Protein backbone atom coordinates (compact mmCIF):
# COMPACT_ATOMS: atom_id res chain seq x y z
CA UNK A 1 27.41 -19.65 7.76
CA UNK A 2 27.50 -18.93 3.97
CA UNK A 3 27.00 -15.55 2.49
CA UNK A 4 23.35 -15.07 1.37
CA UNK A 5 20.84 -12.46 0.32
CA UNK A 6 17.11 -13.02 0.71
CA UNK A 7 14.23 -10.60 -0.36
CA UNK A 8 11.81 -10.45 2.60
CA UNK A 9 9.59 -7.64 1.81
CA UNK A 10 8.15 -5.85 -1.25
CA UNK A 11 6.81 -2.39 -1.68
CA UNK A 12 4.38 -1.39 -4.48
CA UNK A 13 3.20 2.21 -5.04
CA UNK A 14 0.09 2.90 -6.90
CA UNK A 15 -1.43 6.30 -8.15
CA UNK A 16 -5.24 6.13 -7.56
CA UNK A 17 -7.91 8.69 -8.91
CA UNK A 18 -10.79 8.38 -6.52
CA UNK A 19 -13.76 10.75 -6.36
CA UNK A 20 -11.87 13.45 -8.36
CA UNK A 21 -8.77 13.42 -6.10
CA UNK A 22 -5.46 11.74 -6.84
CA UNK A 23 -3.74 9.60 -4.10
CA UNK A 24 -0.59 7.67 -3.72
CA UNK A 25 -1.10 4.23 -2.12
CA UNK A 26 2.03 2.35 -0.86
CA UNK A 27 1.44 -1.33 -0.15
CA UNK A 28 4.14 -3.24 1.75
CA UNK A 29 4.08 -7.00 2.29
CA UNK A 30 6.32 -9.74 3.32
CA UNK A 31 7.40 -12.34 0.74
CA UNK A 32 6.62 -15.14 3.21
CA UNK A 33 2.91 -15.72 3.02
CA UNK A 34 2.82 -17.28 6.39
CA UNK A 35 4.01 -13.90 8.22
CA UNK A 36 0.76 -12.10 7.28
CA UNK A 37 2.33 -8.88 7.40
CA UNK A 38 0.80 -6.34 4.99
CA UNK A 39 0.49 -2.46 5.38
CA UNK A 40 -1.05 0.29 3.42
CA UNK A 41 -0.12 4.01 3.39
CA UNK A 42 -2.31 6.51 1.59
CA UNK A 43 -1.12 10.11 0.69
CA UNK A 44 -3.10 12.88 -0.65
CA UNK A 45 -1.91 15.06 -3.54
CA UNK A 46 0.00 17.18 -1.05
CA UNK A 47 2.06 14.19 0.10
CA UNK A 48 0.24 14.22 3.51
CA UNK A 49 -0.56 10.83 5.07
CA UNK A 50 -4.23 10.32 5.39
CA UNK A 51 -5.58 10.03 8.99
CA UNK A 52 -9.14 8.64 8.22
CA UNK A 53 -9.39 4.81 8.52
CA UNK A 54 -12.78 4.63 6.95
CA UNK A 55 -11.89 6.60 3.83
CA UNK A 56 -8.59 4.81 3.63
CA UNK A 57 -10.58 1.60 3.47
CA UNK A 58 -12.77 2.91 0.80
CA UNK A 59 -9.68 3.91 -1.31
CA UNK A 60 -8.03 0.55 -0.82
CA UNK A 61 -11.40 -1.42 -1.64
CA UNK A 62 -11.64 0.64 -4.92
CA UNK A 63 -8.00 0.18 -5.71
CA UNK A 64 -8.18 -3.62 -5.29
CA UNK A 65 -11.46 -3.83 -7.41
CA UNK A 66 -9.58 -1.93 -10.23
CA UNK A 67 -6.17 -3.44 -10.59
């Protein structure tokens, strides 16, 4: 087997101001569109991971509508 390097995943970090608060949103996704892997992590301004799936969905929807 030949030596090789292949990019398999990309991570993008966004800063999102939503309802007067600042959040950091980290989106990870596989390069291969057939894998279907995608994840979202949202952190508050204190670097704490949010634990409210409904609110997370609101922030992600807002972000996607505004990028």
